[in-house]
Amino acid sequence: MNVRRRHISGVAIAVACALGLAGLSACTTDRAAAAAGGELDVVASFYPMAFLAERIGGSHVRVTSLTKPGQEPHDLEVSVRQRVRIEEADAVLYLKGLQPTVDEVVAQSEAKTKIDAAALTTLEQHGTEVGGHAAEHDTHDHDHEEAGKDPHIWLDPVKYAEVARGVGAALEKADPEHAADYRRNTAALAGELGELDTRFREGLAGVRSKVFITTHAAFGYLAERYGLTEEAVSGLDPESEPSVNRVKDLETMAKADGVTTVFYETLVSDRTARTIARDAGLRTDVLDPIEGITDQSRGTDYFSVQEANLKALRTALGAK
């Protein structure tokens, strides 16, 4: 394999010195092992990016994720050691707009290949309501939104496939010796995502209700793809607190549209969801934004968790 590795840059040396000799030794050992294995050293920002790199890269890549399992990716603060990894990586795969500290470090780094997943598809403005169905039930004169460019593209299998193709092309360019393998792996992954899209489309056809409530506005692209409306308690930031008026709006809307369930997620507290569900006489269930895989996840990888999400939506929306 002809992957050229650079000497440690001045920035990396300065950062490594802050770690001390032990840290520098460990980092150097890790990189030497990767070089000996002839692998492309890829740093991914969080699980959906790492999943793409591993599936497309196969045996030709060594993938390190900046976000640990169980860690809320929006809250990630890049450590000094991680800055070194980014600086010296052959490729960095990240999603601009999701993790501001990652965006900053990558922009300042000298990594040879920078792959921004957000640039490989089209991002849309989303707020707490996506789908346009439930605004008629709003009885208050205020904005719903906390709107912004929504980075949660991986939850839409079609958009995720677009990103996968772009990642595959970038890896081909970074490591042309194995381009055929990257191309084949990309096609296989895109095919699986196409099959998942079909299962969602067929599984959500003919549901009794089109509206679902989530605590975090992560499912806007999925809702739009399959003709649903996501009503989120909070906006794109999972830690933001809802207003009293927003909670009242959701309770009114739930009664009008026959909503049965308030969905929460595994990496964020379910307290708000359970409070709203109790006050409105609704159930609670998990709808996983797949920002990380943990022991609490309803599956072991992207596809199995998406299948669990589909099952949960079918139950909540009254699939026939």
C-alpha atoms as a PDB file:
ATOM      1  CA  MET A   1       0.000   0.000   0.000  1.00  0.00           C
ATOM      2  CA  ASN A   2       1.337   3.392  -0.932  1.00  0.00           C
ATOM      3  CA  VAL A   3      -0.044   5.665   1.777  1.00  0.00           C
ATOM      4  CA  ARG A   4       2.448   8.425   2.485  1.00  0.00           C
ATOM      5  CA  ARG A   5       2.673   9.463   6.125  1.00  0.00           C
ATOM      6  CA  ARG A   6       3.916  12.909   7.055  1.00  0.00           C
ATOM      7  CA  HIS A   7       6.435  13.740   9.729  1.00  0.00           C
ATOM      8  CA  ILE A   8       4.923  15.088  12.931  1.00  0.00           C
ATOM      9  CA  SER A   9       4.083  18.742  12.346  1.00  0.00           C
ATOM     10  CA  GLY A  10       5.063  21.630  14.568  1.00  0.00           C
ATOM     11  CA  VAL A  11       1.516  21.882  15.916  1.00  0.00           C
ATOM     12  CA  ALA A  12       1.466  18.183  16.767  1.00  0.00           C
ATOM     13  CA  ILE A  13       4.869  18.402  18.465  1.00  0.00           C
ATOM     14  CA  ALA A  14       3.708  21.278  20.627  1.00  0.00           C
ATOM     15  CA  VAL A  15       0.556  19.448  21.626  1.00  0.00           C
ATOM     16  CA  ALA A  16       2.402  16.197  22.222  1.00  0.00           C
ATOM     17  CA  CYS A  17       4.891  17.948  24.492  1.00  0.00           C
ATOM     18  CA  ALA A  18       1.963  19.045  26.636  1.00  0.00           C
ATOM     19  CA  LEU A  19       1.124  15.397  27.140  1.00  0.00           C
ATOM     20  CA  GLY A  20       4.595  14.500  28.361  1.00  0.00           C
ATOM     21  CA  LEU A  21       6.942  11.822  27.110  1.00  0.00           C
ATOM     22  CA  ALA A  22       4.645   8.939  28.087  1.00  0.00           C
ATOM     23  CA  GLY A  23       1.779  10.316  26.032  1.00  0.00           C
ATOM     24  CA  LEU A  24       4.019  10.969  23.040  1.00  0.00           C
ATOM     25  CA  SER A  25       5.414   7.462  23.274  1.00  0.00           C
ATOM     26  CA  ALA A  26       1.936   5.930  23.323  1.00  0.00           C
ATOM     27  CA  CYS A  27       0.825   8.010  20.351  1.00  0.00           C
ATOM     28  CA  THR A  28       3.944   7.128  18.386  1.00  0.00           C
ATOM     29  CA  THR A  29       3.485   3.435  19.148  1.00  0.00           C
ATOM     30  CA  ASP A  30      -0.127   3.547  17.967  1.00  0.00           C
ATOM     31  CA  ARG A  31       0.857   5.192  14.683  1.00  0.00           C
ATOM     32  CA  ALA A  32       3.741   2.788  14.131  1.00  0.00           C
ATOM     33  CA  ALA A  33       1.347  -0.146  14.551  1.00  0.00           C
ATOM     34  CA  ALA A  34      -1.032   1.339  12.002  1.00  0.00           C
ATOM     35  CA  ALA A  35       1.770   1.952   9.543  1.00  0.00           C
ATOM     36  CA  ALA A  36       3.064  -1.575   9.948  1.00  0.00           C
ATOM     37  CA  GLY A  37      -0.382  -2.935   9.172  1.00  0.00           C
ATOM     38  CA  GLY A  38      -0.568  -0.850   5.995  1.00  0.00           C
ATOM     39  CA  GLU A  39      -3.887   0.683   6.987  1.00  0.00           C
ATOM     40  CA  LEU A  40      -5.316   4.107   6.285  1.00  0.00           C
ATOM     41  CA  ASP A  41      -5.550   5.899   9.639  1.00  0.00           C
ATOM     42  CA  VAL A  42      -9.081   7.387   9.813  1.00  0.00           C
ATOM     43  CA  VAL A  43     -10.367   9.511  12.699  1.00  0.00           C
ATOM     44  CA  ALA A  44     -14.195   9.679  12.841  1.00  0.00           C
ATOM     45  CA  SER A  45     -16.052  12.245  14.920  1.00  0.00           C
ATOM     46  CA  PHE A  46     -18.807   9.957  16.267  1.00  0.00           C
ATOM     47  CA  TYR A  47     -20.556   6.653  15.657  1.00  0.00           C
ATOM     48  CA  PRO A  48     -22.444   7.288  12.348  1.00  0.00           C
ATOM     49  CA  MET A  49     -19.218   8.510  10.766  1.00  0.00           C
ATOM     50  CA  ALA A  50     -17.163   5.634  12.222  1.00  0.00           C
ATOM     51  CA  PHE A  51     -19.750   3.151  10.924  1.00  0.00           C
ATOM     52  CA  LEU A  52     -19.367   4.499   7.382  1.00  0.00           C
ATOM     53  CA  ALA A  53     -15.581   4.429   7.553  1.00  0.00           C
ATOM     54  CA  GLU A  54     -15.515   0.856   8.845  1.00  0.00           C
ATOM     55  CA  ARG A  55     -18.058  -0.498   6.374  1.00  0.00           C
ATOM     56  CA  ILE A  56     -16.538   1.233   3.358  1.00  0.00           C
ATOM     57  CA  GLY A  57     -12.894   0.927   4.363  1.00  0.00           C
ATOM     58  CA  GLY A  58     -13.034  -2.674   5.516  1.00  0.00           C
ATOM     59  CA  SER A  59      -9.624  -4.173   6.215  1.00  0.00           C
ATOM     60  CA  HIS A  60      -7.822  -1.229   4.612  1.00  0.00           C
ATOM     61  CA  VAL A  61      -8.639   1.278   7.359  1.00  0.00           C
ATOM     62  CA  ARG A  62      -7.951   1.721  11.038  1.00  0.00           C
ATOM     63  CA  VAL A  63     -10.825   3.773  12.492  1.00  0.00           C
ATOM     64  CA  THR A  64     -10.719   5.738  15.738  1.00  0.00           C
ATOM     65  CA  SER A  65     -13.843   7.513  17.034  1.00  0.00           C
ATOM     66  CA  LEU A  66     -13.515  10.747  18.990  1.00  0.00           C
ATOM     67  CA  THR A  67     -16.797  10.093  20.815  1.00  0.00           C
ATOM     68  CA  LYS A  68     -16.849   7.191  23.250  1.00  0.00           C
ATOM     69  CA  PRO A  69     -19.865   4.833  23.453  1.00  0.00           C
ATOM     70  CA  GLY A  70     -22.431   6.367  25.799  1.00  0.00           C
ATOM     71  CA  GLN A  71     -21.046   9.889  25.421  1.00  0.00           C
ATOM     72  CA  GLU A  72     -23.475  12.528  24.141  1.00  0.00           C
ATOM     73  CA  PRO A  73     -21.730  13.677  20.930  1.00  0.00           C
ATOM     74  CA  HIS A  74     -23.098  17.231  21.026  1.00  0.00           C
ATOM     75  CA  ASP A  75     -21.200  17.757  24.290  1.00  0.00           C
ATOM     76  CA  LEU A  76     -17.825  16.468  23.087  1.00  0.00           C
ATOM     77  CA  GLU A  77     -14.766  18.490  24.080  1.00  0.00           C
ATOM     78  CA  VAL A  78     -11.726  17.424  22.065  1.00  0.00           C
ATOM     79  CA  SER A  79      -8.847  16.389  24.325  1.00  0.00           C
ATOM     80  CA  VAL A  80      -5.186  17.196  23.752  1.00  0.00           C
ATOM     81  CA  ARG A  81      -4.476  13.584  22.805  1.00  0.00           C
ATOM     82  CA  GLN A  82      -7.349  13.636  20.310  1.00  0.00           C
ATOM     83  CA  ARG A  83      -5.970  16.802  18.746  1.00  0.00           C
ATOM     84  CA  VAL A  84      -2.765  14.903  18.046  1.00  0.00           C
ATOM     85  CA  ARG A  85      -4.724  12.051  16.462  1.00  0.00           C
ATOM     86  CA  ILE A  86      -6.609  14.463  14.215  1.00  0.00           C
ATOM     87  CA  GLU A  87      -3.451  16.323  13.265  1.00  0.00           C
ATOM     88  CA  GLU A  88      -1.641  13.161  12.209  1.00  0.00           C
ATOM     89  CA  ALA A  89      -4.546  11.214  10.673  1.00  0.00           C
ATOM     90  CA  ASP A  90      -4.541  10.181   7.029  1.00  0.00           C
ATOM     91  CA  ALA A  91      -8.238  11.120   6.915  1.00  0.00           C
ATOM     92  CA  VAL A  92     -10.726  12.799   9.235  1.00  0.00           C
ATOM     93  CA  LEU A  93     -14.428  12.064   8.759  1.00  0.00           C
ATOM     94  CA  TYR A  94     -16.778  14.427  10.583  1.00  0.00           C
ATOM     95  CA  LEU A  95     -20.169  16.139  10.294  1.00  0.00           C
ATOM     96  CA  LYS A  96     -19.839  19.898  10.382  1.00  0.00           C
ATOM     97  CA  GLY A  97     -22.449  21.584  12.547  1.00  0.00           C
ATOM     98  CA  LEU A  98     -22.954  18.765  15.038  1.00  0.00           C
ATOM     99  CA  GLN A  99     -19.847  19.089  17.227  1.00  0.00           C
ATOM    100  CA  PRO A 100     -18.457  22.646  17.224  1.00  0.00           C
ATOM    101  CA  THR A 101     -15.177  21.748  18.946  1.00  0.00           C
ATOM    102  CA  VAL A 102     -14.490  19.074  16.323  1.00  0.00           C
ATOM    103  CA  ASP A 103     -15.204  21.578  13.544  1.00  0.00           C
ATOM    104  CA  GLU A 104     -12.704  24.012  15.065  1.00  0.00           C
ATOM    105  CA  VAL A 105      -9.926  21.479  15.558  1.00  0.00           C
ATOM    106  CA  VAL A 106     -10.324  19.957  12.092  1.00  0.00           C
ATOM    107  CA  ALA A 107     -10.268  23.402  10.471  1.00  0.00           C
ATOM    108  CA  GLN A 108      -6.957  24.157  12.202  1.00  0.00           C
ATOM    109  CA  SER A 109      -5.388  20.750  11.548  1.00  0.00           C
ATOM    110  CA  GLU A 110      -3.104  19.630   8.742  1.00  0.00           C
ATOM    111  CA  ALA A 111      -4.811  16.276   8.254  1.00  0.00           C
ATOM    112  CA  LYS A 112      -4.262  15.199   4.646  1.00  0.00           C
ATOM    113  CA  THR A 113      -7.882  14.309   3.872  1.00  0.00           C
ATOM    114  CA  LYS A 114     -10.791  16.111   5.534  1.00  0.00           C
ATOM    115  CA  ILE A 115     -14.207  14.626   4.747  1.00  0.00           C
ATOM    116  CA  ASP A 116     -17.182  16.740   5.835  1.00  0.00           C
ATOM    117  CA  ALA A 117     -20.316  14.592   5.614  1.00  0.00           C
ATOM    118  CA  ALA A 118     -22.500  17.704   5.670  1.00  0.00           C
ATOM    119  CA  ALA A 119     -21.010  18.728   2.321  1.00  0.00           C
ATOM    120  CA  LEU A 120     -21.961  15.397   0.724  1.00  0.00           C
ATOM    121  CA  THR A 121     -25.730  15.935   0.877  1.00  0.00           C
ATOM    122  CA  THR A 122     -28.163  18.826   1.374  1.00  0.00           C
ATOM    123  CA  LEU A 123     -28.876  20.116   4.879  1.00  0.00           C
ATOM    124  CA  GLU A 124     -32.220  21.742   5.669  1.00  0.00           C
ATOM    125  CA  GLN A 125     -33.491  24.215   8.236  1.00  0.00           C
ATOM    126  CA  HIS A 126     -35.406  22.324  10.917  1.00  0.00           C
ATOM    127  CA  GLY A 127     -36.856  23.331  14.257  1.00  0.00           C
ATOM    128  CA  THR A 128     -39.087  21.661  16.807  1.00  0.00           C
ATOM    129  CA  GLU A 129     -41.763  20.851  14.216  1.00  0.00           C
ATOM    130  CA  VAL A 130     -40.880  19.144  10.938  1.00  0.00           C
ATOM    131  CA  GLY A 131     -43.533  18.012   8.497  1.00  0.00           C
ATOM    132  CA  GLY A 132     -45.918  20.964   8.615  1.00  0.00           C
ATOM    133  CA  HIS A 133     -48.943  19.088   9.973  1.00  0.00           C
ATOM    134  CA  ALA A 134     -49.511  20.163  13.561  1.00  0.00           C
ATOM    135  CA  ALA A 135     -49.077  23.941  13.495  1.00  0.00           C
ATOM    136  CA  GLU A 136     -52.855  24.373  13.242  1.00  0.00           C
ATOM    137  CA  HIS A 137     -53.144  23.164  16.837  1.00  0.00           C
ATOM    138  CA  ASP A 138     -50.824  25.855  18.196  1.00  0.00           C
ATOM    139  CA  THR A 139     -52.785  28.250  20.403  1.00  0.00           C
ATOM    140  CA  HIS A 140     -49.907  30.532  21.384  1.00  0.00           C
ATOM    141  CA  ASP A 141     -48.313  33.450  19.603  1.00  0.00           C
ATOM    142  CA  HIS A 142     -44.668  32.401  19.703  1.00  0.00           C
ATOM    143  CA  ASP A 143     -42.023  30.746  17.615  1.00  0.00           C
ATOM    144  CA  HIS A 144     -41.734  26.948  17.684  1.00  0.00           C
ATOM    145  CA  GLU A 145     -38.314  26.806  16.460  1.00  0.00           C
ATOM    146  CA  GLU A 146     -34.795  27.186  17.685  1.00  0.00           C
ATOM    147  CA  ALA A 147     -34.352  26.497  13.998  1.00  0.00           C
ATOM    148  CA  GLY A 148     -31.042  25.870  12.320  1.00  0.00           C
ATOM    149  CA  LYS A 149     -29.294  23.657   9.833  1.00  0.00           C
ATOM    150  CA  ASP A 150     -30.198  20.139  10.921  1.00  0.00           C
ATOM    151  CA  PRO A 151     -27.166  17.806  10.920  1.00  0.00           C
ATOM    152  CA  HIS A 152     -29.080  14.551  11.669  1.00  0.00           C
ATOM    153  CA  ILE A 153     -28.853  13.296   8.089  1.00  0.00           C
ATOM    154  CA  TRP A 154     -27.874   9.706   8.956  1.00  0.00           C
ATOM    155  CA  LEU A 155     -31.383   8.918  10.251  1.00  0.00           C
ATOM    156  CA  ASP A 156     -32.697   9.187   6.686  1.00  0.00           C
ATOM    157  CA  PRO A 157     -31.377   6.087   4.860  1.00  0.00           C
ATOM    158  CA  VAL A 158     -31.480   7.886   1.505  1.00  0.00           C
ATOM    159  CA  LYS A 159     -29.377  10.819   2.697  1.00  0.00           C
ATOM    160  CA  TYR A 160     -27.049   8.474   4.555  1.00  0.00           C
ATOM    161  CA  ALA A 161     -26.495   6.583   1.293  1.00  0.00           C
ATOM    162  CA  GLU A 162     -25.609   9.872  -0.432  1.00  0.00           C
ATOM    163  CA  VAL A 163     -23.035  10.535   2.269  1.00  0.00           C
ATOM    164  CA  ALA A 164     -21.711   6.961   1.986  1.00  0.00           C
ATOM    165  CA  ARG A 165     -21.054   7.430  -1.725  1.00  0.00           C
ATOM    166  CA  GLY A 166     -19.166  10.657  -1.031  1.00  0.00           C
ATOM    167  CA  VAL A 167     -17.101   9.016   1.687  1.00  0.00           C
ATOM    168  CA  GLY A 168     -16.292   6.132  -0.636  1.00  0.00           C
ATOM    169  CA  ALA A 169     -15.089   8.512  -3.327  1.00  0.00           C
ATOM    170  CA  ALA A 170     -12.909  10.373  -0.818  1.00  0.00           C
ATOM    171  CA  LEU A 171     -11.304   7.147   0.414  1.00  0.00           C
ATOM    172  CA  GLU A 172     -10.642   6.086  -3.182  1.00  0.00           C
ATOM    173  CA  LYS A 173      -8.791   9.337  -3.749  1.00  0.00           C
ATOM    174  CA  ALA A 174      -6.852   9.057  -0.480  1.00  0.00           C
ATOM    175  CA  ASP A 175      -5.850   5.430  -1.127  1.00  0.00           C
ATOM    176  CA  PRO A 176      -6.106   4.716  -4.870  1.00  0.00           C
ATOM    177  CA  GLU A 177      -4.366   1.366  -4.518  1.00  0.00           C
ATOM    178  CA  HIS A 178      -7.523  -0.045  -2.902  1.00  0.00           C
ATOM    179  CA  ALA A 179     -10.048   2.032  -4.841  1.00  0.00           C
ATOM    180  CA  ALA A 180     -11.821  -1.027  -6.262  1.00  0.00           C
ATOM    181  CA  ASP A 181     -12.463  -2.392  -2.776  1.00  0.00           C
ATOM    182  CA  TYR A 182     -13.784   0.940  -1.518  1.00  0.00           C
ATOM    183  CA  ARG A 183     -16.042   1.189  -4.557  1.00  0.00           C
ATOM    184  CA  ARG A 184     -17.394  -2.328  -4.031  1.00  0.00           C
ATOM    185  CA  ASN A 185     -17.973  -1.782  -0.305  1.00  0.00           C
ATOM    186  CA  THR A 186     -19.711   1.536  -0.956  1.00  0.00           C
ATOM    187  CA  ALA A 187     -22.069  -0.055  -3.468  1.00  0.00           C
ATOM    188  CA  ALA A 188     -22.907  -2.854  -1.017  1.00  0.00           C
ATOM    189  CA  LEU A 189     -23.625  -0.406   1.815  1.00  0.00           C
ATOM    190  CA  ALA A 190     -25.721   1.860  -0.420  1.00  0.00           C
ATOM    191  CA  GLY A 191     -27.697  -1.213  -1.477  1.00  0.00           C
ATOM    192  CA  GLU A 192     -28.403  -2.143   2.152  1.00  0.00           C
ATOM    193  CA  LEU A 193     -29.513   1.419   2.869  1.00  0.00           C
ATOM    194  CA  GLY A 194     -31.818   1.269  -0.137  1.00  0.00           C
ATOM    195  CA  GLU A 195     -33.406  -1.893   1.247  1.00  0.00           C
ATOM    196  CA  LEU A 196     -33.817  -0.193   4.640  1.00  0.00           C
ATOM    197  CA  ASP A 197     -35.513   2.741   2.915  1.00  0.00           C
ATOM    198  CA  THR A 198     -37.969   0.319   1.298  1.00  0.00           C
ATOM    199  CA  ARG A 199     -38.771  -1.303   4.659  1.00  0.00           C
ATOM    200  CA  PHE A 200     -39.440   2.098   6.223  1.00  0.00           C
ATOM    201  CA  ARG A 201     -41.553   3.228   3.285  1.00  0.00           C
ATOM    202  CA  GLU A 202     -43.666   0.087   3.278  1.00  0.00           C
ATOM    203  CA  GLY A 203     -43.777  -0.243   7.054  1.00  0.00           C
ATOM    204  CA  LEU A 204     -45.045   3.299   7.609  1.00  0.00           C
ATOM    205  CA  ALA A 205     -47.583   3.305   4.785  1.00  0.00           C
ATOM    206  CA  GLY A 206     -51.169   3.414   5.984  1.00  0.00           C
ATOM    207  CA  VAL A 207     -50.471   4.243   9.636  1.00  0.00           C
ATOM    208  CA  ARG A 208     -53.444   5.733  11.513  1.00  0.00           C
ATOM    209  CA  SER A 209     -51.519   8.774  12.793  1.00  0.00           C
ATOM    210  CA  LYS A 210     -48.772  10.698  11.030  1.00  0.00           C
ATOM    211  CA  VAL A 211     -47.557  12.629  14.080  1.00  0.00           C
ATOM    212  CA  PHE A 212     -44.985  11.543  16.652  1.00  0.00           C
ATOM    213  CA  ILE A 213     -43.464  13.377  19.622  1.00  0.00           C
ATOM    214  CA  THR A 214     -39.772  13.255  20.498  1.00  0.00           C
ATOM    215  CA  THR A 215     -37.727  14.974  23.185  1.00  0.00           C
ATOM    216  CA  HIS A 216     -34.994  15.963  20.709  1.00  0.00           C
ATOM    217  CA  ALA A 217     -35.502  17.235  17.151  1.00  0.00           C
ATOM    218  CA  ALA A 218     -33.331  14.546  15.562  1.00  0.00           C
ATOM    219  CA  PHE A 219     -35.827  12.850  13.259  1.00  0.00           C
ATOM    220  CA  GLY A 220     -36.826  15.648  10.892  1.00  0.00           C
ATOM    221  CA  TYR A 221     -35.247  14.110   7.794  1.00  0.00           C
ATOM    222  CA  LEU A 222     -36.786  10.727   8.575  1.00  0.00           C
ATOM    223  CA  ALA A 223     -40.203  12.340   9.092  1.00  0.00           C
ATOM    224  CA  GLU A 224     -40.029  14.209   5.791  1.00  0.00           C
ATOM    225  CA  ARG A 225     -38.846  11.128   3.917  1.00  0.00           C
ATOM    226  CA  TYR A 226     -41.824   9.030   5.008  1.00  0.00           C
ATOM    227  CA  GLY A 227     -44.621  11.598   5.132  1.00  0.00           C
ATOM    228  CA  LEU A 228     -44.685  12.017   8.900  1.00  0.00           C
ATOM    229  CA  THR A 229     -44.542  14.984  11.267  1.00  0.00           C
ATOM    230  CA  GLU A 230     -42.037  15.121  14.093  1.00  0.00           C
ATOM    231  CA  GLU A 231     -43.045  17.330  17.017  1.00  0.00           C
ATOM    232  CA  ALA A 232     -40.049  17.764  19.286  1.00  0.00           C
ATOM    233  CA  VAL A 233     -40.181  18.942  22.876  1.00  0.00           C
ATOM    234  CA  SER A 234     -36.822  20.692  22.423  1.00  0.00           C
ATOM    235  CA  GLY A 235     -34.952  21.842  19.336  1.00  0.00           C
ATOM    236  CA  LEU A 236     -31.842  20.499  17.658  1.00  0.00           C
ATOM    237  CA  ASP A 237     -29.926  20.734  20.938  1.00  0.00           C
ATOM    238  CA  PRO A 238     -30.970  17.753  23.091  1.00  0.00           C
ATOM    239  CA  GLU A 239     -30.117  19.604  26.308  1.00  0.00           C
ATOM    240  CA  SER A 240     -32.324  22.656  25.665  1.00  0.00           C
ATOM    241  CA  GLU A 241     -35.319  23.138  27.960  1.00  0.00           C
ATOM    242  CA  PRO A 242     -38.849  23.492  26.506  1.00  0.00           C
ATOM    243  CA  SER A 243     -41.068  26.434  27.342  1.00  0.00           C
ATOM    244  CA  VAL A 244     -44.321  26.000  29.265  1.00  0.00           C
ATOM    245  CA  ASN A 245     -46.249  27.065  26.164  1.00  0.00           C
ATOM    246  CA  ARG A 246     -44.470  24.456  24.057  1.00  0.00           C
ATOM    247  CA  VAL A 247     -45.465  21.697  26.465  1.00  0.00           C
ATOM    248  CA  LYS A 248     -49.097  22.904  26.452  1.00  0.00           C
ATOM    249  CA  ASP A 249     -49.076  22.966  22.637  1.00  0.00           C
ATOM    250  CA  LEU A 250     -47.863  19.372  22.527  1.00  0.00           C
ATOM    251  CA  GLU A 251     -50.552  18.202  24.917  1.00  0.00           C
ATOM    252  CA  THR A 252     -53.255  19.906  22.825  1.00  0.00           C
ATOM    253  CA  MET A 253     -51.834  18.517  19.601  1.00  0.00           C
ATOM    254  CA  ALA A 254     -51.545  15.012  21.034  1.00  0.00           C
ATOM    255  CA  LYS A 255     -55.254  14.904  21.819  1.00  0.00           C
ATOM    256  CA  ALA A 256     -56.243  16.333  18.421  1.00  0.00           C
ATOM    257  CA  ASP A 257     -54.080  13.937  16.402  1.00  0.00           C
ATOM    258  CA  GLY A 258     -54.448  10.761  18.395  1.00  0.00           C
ATOM    259  CA  VAL A 259     -50.804  10.659  19.457  1.00  0.00           C
ATOM    260  CA  THR A 260     -50.146   7.720  21.784  1.00  0.00           C
ATOM    261  CA  THR A 261     -46.453   7.945  22.615  1.00  0.00           C
ATOM    262  CA  VAL A 262     -43.727  10.365  23.668  1.00  0.00           C
ATOM    263  CA  PHE A 263     -40.357   9.103  22.479  1.00  0.00           C
ATOM    264  CA  TYR A 264     -37.117   9.611  24.386  1.00  0.00           C
ATOM    265  CA  GLU A 265     -33.559   8.523  23.617  1.00  0.00           C
ATOM    266  CA  THR A 266     -30.899   6.481  25.326  1.00  0.00           C
ATOM    267  CA  LEU A 267     -28.139   9.087  25.792  1.00  0.00           C
ATOM    268  CA  VAL A 268     -30.311  11.863  27.280  1.00  0.00           C
ATOM    269  CA  SER A 269     -32.486  11.918  30.415  1.00  0.00           C
ATOM    270  CA  ASP A 270     -36.070  10.685  29.932  1.00  0.00           C
ATOM    271  CA  ARG A 271     -37.442  12.946  32.701  1.00  0.00           C
ATOM    272  CA  THR A 272     -39.126  15.474  30.393  1.00  0.00           C
ATOM    273  CA  ALA A 273     -40.675  12.778  28.205  1.00  0.00           C
ATOM    274  CA  ARG A 274     -42.114  10.945  31.206  1.00  0.00           C
ATOM    275  CA  THR A 275     -43.512  14.172  32.684  1.00  0.00           C
ATOM    276  CA  ILE A 276     -45.294  15.128  29.462  1.00  0.00           C
ATOM    277  CA  ALA A 277     -46.540  11.588  28.940  1.00  0.00           C
ATOM    278  CA  ARG A 278     -47.940  11.419  32.470  1.00  0.00           C
ATOM    279  CA  ASP A 279     -49.709  14.789  32.203  1.00  0.00           C
ATOM    280  CA  ALA A 280     -51.173  13.957  28.774  1.00  0.00           C
ATOM    281  CA  GLY A 281     -52.005  10.316  29.487  1.00  0.00           C
ATOM    282  CA  LEU A 282     -49.540   8.991  26.901  1.00  0.00           C
ATOM    283  CA  ARG A 283     -47.029   6.151  26.799  1.00  0.00           C
ATOM    284  CA  THR A 284     -43.263   6.494  26.506  1.00  0.00           C
ATOM    285  CA  ASP A 285     -40.879   4.524  24.314  1.00  0.00           C
ATOM    286  CA  VAL A 286     -37.369   4.771  22.862  1.00  0.00           C
ATOM    287  CA  LEU A 287     -36.635   6.245  19.439  1.00  0.00           C
ATOM    288  CA  ASP A 288     -32.875   6.069  19.088  1.00  0.00           C
ATOM    289  CA  PRO A 289     -31.009   8.828  17.164  1.00  0.00           C
ATOM    290  CA  ILE A 290     -28.100   6.360  16.820  1.00  0.00           C
ATOM    291  CA  GLU A 291     -25.488   8.814  17.987  1.00  0.00           C
ATOM    292  CA  GLY A 292     -23.706   5.951  19.735  1.00  0.00           C
ATOM    293  CA  ILE A 293     -24.138   2.241  20.455  1.00  0.00           C
ATOM    294  CA  THR A 294     -24.276   1.189  24.120  1.00  0.00           C
ATOM    295  CA  ASP A 295     -25.570  -1.721  26.182  1.00  0.00           C
ATOM    296  CA  GLN A 296     -28.913   0.141  26.328  1.00  0.00           C
ATOM    297  CA  SER A 297     -29.225   0.327  22.533  1.00  0.00           C
ATOM    298  CA  ARG A 298     -31.896  -1.808  20.900  1.00  0.00           C
ATOM    299  CA  GLY A 299     -29.410  -3.294  18.500  1.00  0.00           C
ATOM    300  CA  THR A 300     -25.734  -3.734  17.902  1.00  0.00           C
ATOM    301  CA  ASP A 301     -25.222  -1.492  14.861  1.00  0.00           C
ATOM    302  CA  TYR A 302     -26.883   1.150  12.687  1.00  0.00           C
ATOM    303  CA  PHE A 303     -29.121  -1.263  10.812  1.00  0.00           C
ATOM    304  CA  SER A 304     -30.440  -3.217  13.795  1.00  0.00           C
ATOM    305  CA  VAL A 305     -31.198  -0.018  15.725  1.00  0.00           C
ATOM    306  CA  GLN A 306     -33.008   1.437  12.717  1.00  0.00           C
ATOM    307  CA  GLU A 307     -35.109  -1.726  12.543  1.00  0.00           C
ATOM    308  CA  ALA A 308     -35.995  -1.218  16.210  1.00  0.00           C
ATOM    309  CA  ASN A 309     -36.891   2.417  15.452  1.00  0.00           C
ATOM    310  CA  LEU A 310     -39.179   1.303  12.640  1.00  0.00           C
ATOM    311  CA  LYS A 311     -40.914  -1.183  14.930  1.00  0.00           C
ATOM    312  CA  ALA A 312     -41.405   1.498  17.616  1.00  0.00           C
ATOM    313  CA  LEU A 313     -42.843   3.991  15.098  1.00  0.00           C
ATOM    314  CA  ARG A 314     -45.219   1.390  13.646  1.00  0.00           C
ATOM    315  CA  THR A 315     -46.539   0.607  17.111  1.00  0.00           C
ATOM    316  CA  ALA A 316     -46.906   4.261  18.122  1.00  0.00           C
ATOM    317  CA  LEU A 317     -48.528   5.365  14.854  1.00  0.00           C
ATOM    318  CA  GLY A 318     -50.959   2.455  14.622  1.00  0.00           C
ATOM    319  CA  ALA A 319     -49.633   0.525  11.645  1.00  0.00           C
ATOM    320  CA  LYS A 320     -52.139  -1.835  10.036  1.00  0.00           C
END
